[in-house]
Amino acid sequence: MIARVTTAQSRPEDIDETLQFFEAIGVPSCLGVAGFKAAYFLVDRASGKWLEVSLWESKEADEEAMAAGAKRLEGNEKDQMIGARIHAGVISAEYYEVGAATTARRV
């Protein structure tokens, strides 16, 4: 399993719009890909800094979701502009092998 970790900076007042974009474009694009495992959108509202962490069976699955997201933007000028603004704030996007994982269990 791999993780893509995207670090970005936006204006603090843009965090809610960025989160809405993630939910409207990113989440449906991920859910349509067989290798998708999970995604988290972490925000620091005061500074405008955010992280997106997504888990995938392979880098190719992530790339498929990215292509699906681009397709969802076709013909939607408003979302294309929001996506371009978000992309301009990306500081880094890196892939990591998930070396270990755990989830909470009820006892």
Protein backbone atom coordinates (compact mmCIF):
# COMPACT_ATOMS: atom_id res chain seq x y z
CA MET A 1 0.00 0.00 0.00
CA ILE A 2 1.17 3.55 -0.68
CA ALA A 3 0.24 6.97 0.69
CA ARG A 4 0.24 10.24 -1.21
CA VAL A 5 0.84 13.17 1.13
CA THR A 6 0.09 16.59 -0.31
CA THR A 7 1.11 19.69 1.64
CA ALA A 8 -0.37 23.03 0.63
CA GLN A 9 -0.92 26.60 1.71
CA SER A 10 -4.01 28.65 1.04
CA ARG A 11 -5.54 31.75 2.52
CA PRO A 12 -7.29 30.90 5.80
CA GLU A 13 -10.59 32.20 4.40
CA ASP A 14 -10.32 29.71 1.50
CA ILE A 15 -10.15 26.57 3.67
CA ASP A 16 -13.90 25.87 3.58
CA GLU A 17 -14.05 26.27 -0.21
CA THR A 18 -11.02 23.98 -0.56
CA LEU A 19 -12.69 21.39 1.67
CA GLN A 20 -15.90 21.60 -0.37
CA PHE A 21 -13.87 21.08 -3.56
CA PHE A 22 -12.18 18.03 -2.01
CA GLU A 23 -15.59 16.58 -1.07
CA ALA A 24 -17.26 17.40 -4.42
CA ILE A 25 -14.45 16.49 -6.83
CA GLY A 26 -11.76 14.55 -4.97
CA VAL A 27 -13.86 12.13 -2.94
CA PRO A 28 -16.10 10.93 -5.82
CA SER A 29 -13.04 10.55 -8.05
CA CYS A 30 -11.34 8.39 -5.42
CA LEU A 31 -14.42 6.27 -4.72
CA GLY A 32 -14.58 5.30 -8.39
CA VAL A 33 -11.14 3.64 -8.30
CA ALA A 34 -10.72 0.03 -7.18
CA GLY A 35 -7.36 0.67 -5.47
CA PHE A 36 -8.59 3.48 -3.22
CA LYS A 37 -8.37 2.79 0.54
CA ALA A 38 -8.92 6.08 2.44
CA ALA A 39 -8.33 9.82 2.37
CA TYR A 40 -7.98 12.50 5.02
CA PHE A 41 -8.03 16.27 4.64
CA LEU A 42 -6.21 17.92 7.56
CA VAL A 43 -6.44 21.68 8.06
CA ASP A 44 -4.98 24.42 10.18
CA ARG A 45 -7.71 27.04 9.81
CA ALA A 46 -5.66 29.78 11.46
CA SER A 47 -2.75 29.56 9.02
CA GLY A 48 -4.51 28.17 5.93
CA LYS A 49 -2.10 25.24 5.76
CA TRP A 50 -3.58 21.86 4.84
CA LEU A 51 -2.52 18.29 4.20
CA GLU A 52 -4.26 15.67 2.14
CA VAL A 53 -3.29 12.08 2.90
CA SER A 54 -4.69 9.33 0.70
CA LEU A 55 -4.04 5.60 0.82
CA TRP A 56 -3.89 3.44 -2.31
CA GLU A 57 -3.10 -0.09 -3.42
CA SER A 58 -0.70 1.40 -5.98
CA LYS A 59 0.54 4.69 -7.41
CA GLU A 60 -1.31 3.79 -10.61
CA ALA A 61 -4.63 3.72 -8.72
CA ASP A 62 -3.94 7.22 -7.42
CA GLU A 63 -3.07 8.41 -10.92
CA GLU A 64 -6.35 6.94 -12.19
CA ALA A 65 -8.27 8.92 -9.56
CA MET A 66 -6.38 12.11 -10.48
CA ALA A 67 -7.36 11.60 -14.13
CA ALA A 68 -10.98 11.02 -13.07
CA GLY A 69 -10.90 14.25 -11.08
CA ALA A 70 -9.60 16.18 -14.10
CA LYS A 71 -12.41 14.69 -16.18
CA ARG A 72 -15.00 15.78 -13.58
CA LEU A 73 -13.75 19.36 -14.03
CA GLU A 74 -14.28 19.41 -17.80
CA GLY A 75 -16.79 22.04 -18.78
CA ASN A 76 -17.08 23.48 -15.26
CA GLU A 77 -15.23 26.79 -15.39
CA LYS A 78 -15.89 27.75 -11.77
CA ASP A 79 -14.50 24.47 -10.38
CA GLN A 80 -11.58 24.66 -12.82
CA MET A 81 -10.67 28.07 -11.37
CA ILE A 82 -10.97 26.78 -7.80
CA GLY A 83 -8.87 23.73 -8.72
CA ALA A 84 -6.19 25.94 -10.30
CA ARG A 85 -6.04 28.11 -7.18
CA ILE A 86 -5.75 25.05 -4.95
CA HIS A 87 -3.07 23.52 -7.19
CA ALA A 88 -1.08 26.79 -7.11
CA GLY A 89 -0.87 26.49 -3.32
CA VAL A 90 0.57 22.97 -3.35
CA ILE A 91 4.01 22.91 -1.77
CA SER A 92 4.70 19.20 -2.23
CA ALA A 93 3.06 15.93 -3.17
CA GLU A 94 5.04 12.87 -2.19
CA TYR A 95 4.48 9.13 -2.20
CA TYR A 96 5.42 6.85 0.66
CA GLU A 97 5.21 3.13 1.19
CA VAL A 98 2.94 2.40 4.14
CA GLY A 99 5.29 0.46 6.40
CA ALA A 100 2.76 -0.20 9.17
CA ALA A 101 -0.85 0.65 9.87
CA THR A 102 -3.38 0.29 12.64
CA THR A 103 -6.98 1.19 13.28
CA ALA A 104 -8.90 1.65 16.50
CA ARG A 105 -10.62 -1.47 17.81
CA ARG A 106 -13.45 -1.75 20.24
CA VAL A 107 -12.69 -3.87 23.24
